[in-house]
C-alpha atoms as a PDB file:
ATOM      1  CA  UNK A   1      -5.987  11.256  21.217  1.00  0.00           C
ATOM      2  CA  UNK A   2      -3.928   8.588  22.781  1.00  0.00           C
ATOM      3  CA  UNK A   3      -0.335   7.585  22.475  1.00  0.00           C
ATOM      4  CA  UNK A   4       0.520   4.577  20.673  1.00  0.00           C
ATOM      5  CA  UNK A   5       3.551   2.418  21.540  1.00  0.00           C
ATOM      6  CA  UNK A   6       5.954   1.893  18.614  1.00  0.00           C
ATOM      7  CA  UNK A   7       5.975  -1.662  19.789  1.00  0.00           C
ATOM      8  CA  UNK A   8       2.319  -2.088  19.021  1.00  0.00           C
ATOM      9  CA  UNK A   9       2.277  -0.182  15.666  1.00  0.00           C
ATOM     10  CA  UNK A  10       4.180   2.280  13.648  1.00  0.00           C
ATOM     11  CA  UNK A  11       2.682   5.177  11.558  1.00  0.00           C
ATOM     12  CA  UNK A  12       2.748   5.368   7.901  1.00  0.00           C
ATOM     13  CA  UNK A  13       5.912   6.189   6.233  1.00  0.00           C
ATOM     14  CA  UNK A  14       6.367   9.842   5.720  1.00  0.00           C
ATOM     15  CA  UNK A  15       3.174  10.744   7.612  1.00  0.00           C
ATOM     16  CA  UNK A  16       3.830  13.576   9.992  1.00  0.00           C
ATOM     17  CA  UNK A  17       2.919  12.721  13.585  1.00  0.00           C
ATOM     18  CA  UNK A  18       3.855  13.571  17.071  1.00  0.00           C
ATOM     19  CA  UNK A  19       6.515  11.633  18.668  1.00  0.00           C
ATOM     20  CA  UNK A  20       7.647  11.116  22.232  1.00  0.00           C
ATOM     21  CA  UNK A  21      11.034  10.224  23.210  1.00  0.00           C
ATOM     22  CA  UNK A  22      11.495  10.302  26.943  1.00  0.00           C
ATOM     23  CA  UNK A  23      15.380  10.839  26.598  1.00  0.00           C
ATOM     24  CA  UNK A  24      15.552  13.107  23.824  1.00  0.00           C
ATOM     25  CA  UNK A  25      17.685  16.333  24.792  1.00  0.00           C
ATOM     26  CA  UNK A  26      15.326  18.097  26.720  1.00  0.00           C
ATOM     27  CA  UNK A  27      12.517  18.143  24.317  1.00  0.00           C
ATOM     28  CA  UNK A  28      10.620  14.748  24.548  1.00  0.00           C
ATOM     29  CA  UNK A  29       7.673  15.825  22.382  1.00  0.00           C
ATOM     30  CA  UNK A  30       7.960  16.829  18.820  1.00  0.00           C
ATOM     31  CA  UNK A  31       6.771  16.576  15.341  1.00  0.00           C
ATOM     32  CA  UNK A  32       8.239  14.081  13.082  1.00  0.00           C
ATOM     33  CA  UNK A  33       8.173  11.350  10.362  1.00  0.00           C
ATOM     34  CA  UNK A  34       9.059   7.745  10.112  1.00  0.00           C
ATOM     35  CA  UNK A  35      11.904   7.512   7.413  1.00  0.00           C
ATOM     36  CA  UNK A  36      12.617   3.856   7.484  1.00  0.00           C
ATOM     37  CA  UNK A  37      12.738   0.487   9.482  1.00  0.00           C
ATOM     38  CA  UNK A  38      15.560  -1.565   9.266  1.00  0.00           C
ATOM     39  CA  UNK A  39      17.364  -4.300  11.246  1.00  0.00           C
ATOM     40  CA  UNK A  40      19.151  -1.703  13.430  1.00  0.00           C
ATOM     41  CA  UNK A  41      15.725   0.038  14.406  1.00  0.00           C
ATOM     42  CA  UNK A  42      13.364   2.640  13.352  1.00  0.00           C
ATOM     43  CA  UNK A  43      15.009   5.881  11.602  1.00  0.00           C
ATOM     44  CA  UNK A  44      12.781   9.160  12.347  1.00  0.00           C
ATOM     45  CA  UNK A  45      13.459  12.289  11.081  1.00  0.00           C
ATOM     46  CA  UNK A  46      12.196  15.861  12.535  1.00  0.00           C
ATOM     47  CA  UNK A  47      12.900  19.325  11.380  1.00  0.00           C
ATOM     48  CA  UNK A  48      16.519  19.168  12.645  1.00  0.00           C
ATOM     49  CA  UNK A  49      18.012  15.775  12.206  1.00  0.00           C
ATOM     50  CA  UNK A  50      17.638  12.088  12.013  1.00  0.00           C
ATOM     51  CA  UNK A  51      16.714  10.226  15.337  1.00  0.00           C
ATOM     52  CA  UNK A  52      17.489   6.378  15.576  1.00  0.00           C
ATOM     53  CA  UNK A  53      15.467   4.258  18.259  1.00  0.00           C
ATOM     54  CA  UNK A  54      14.873   6.756  21.315  1.00  0.00           C
ATOM     55  CA  UNK A  55      11.112   7.158  20.161  1.00  0.00           C
ATOM     56  CA  UNK A  56       8.714   5.185  22.336  1.00  0.00           C
ATOM     57  CA  UNK A  57       5.215   6.440  21.303  1.00  0.00           C
ATOM     58  CA  UNK A  58       3.696   8.620  18.790  1.00  0.00           C
ATOM     59  CA  UNK A  59       0.043   9.889  17.731  1.00  0.00           C
ATOM     60  CA  UNK A  60      -1.586  11.350  14.708  1.00  0.00           C
ATOM     61  CA  UNK A  61      -1.604  15.091  14.351  1.00  0.00           C
ATOM     62  CA  UNK A  62      -4.750  16.976  15.631  1.00  0.00           C
ATOM     63  CA  UNK A  63      -7.237  18.224  13.224  1.00  0.00           C
ATOM     64  CA  UNK A  64      -6.883  22.043  12.440  1.00  0.00           C
ATOM     65  CA  UNK A  65      -9.014  24.366  14.165  1.00  0.00           C
ATOM     66  CA  UNK A  66     -12.397  25.278  12.413  1.00  0.00           C
ATOM     67  CA  UNK A  67     -13.188  28.604  11.939  1.00  0.00           C
END
């Protein structure tokens, strides 16, 4: 899978994806969802809290393994 820039395209709302934020407190890659987009920027949510504009790239979650 390839990283997609948020400048090129955003994921569907509330679809769980992998997010990349180069300046996000020591954990730049994590799972989350796009909650909303407004004039102040994109609002993302991970398991812990809301994140505003630091997300630069995203990609779909991989398919689960087949047994």
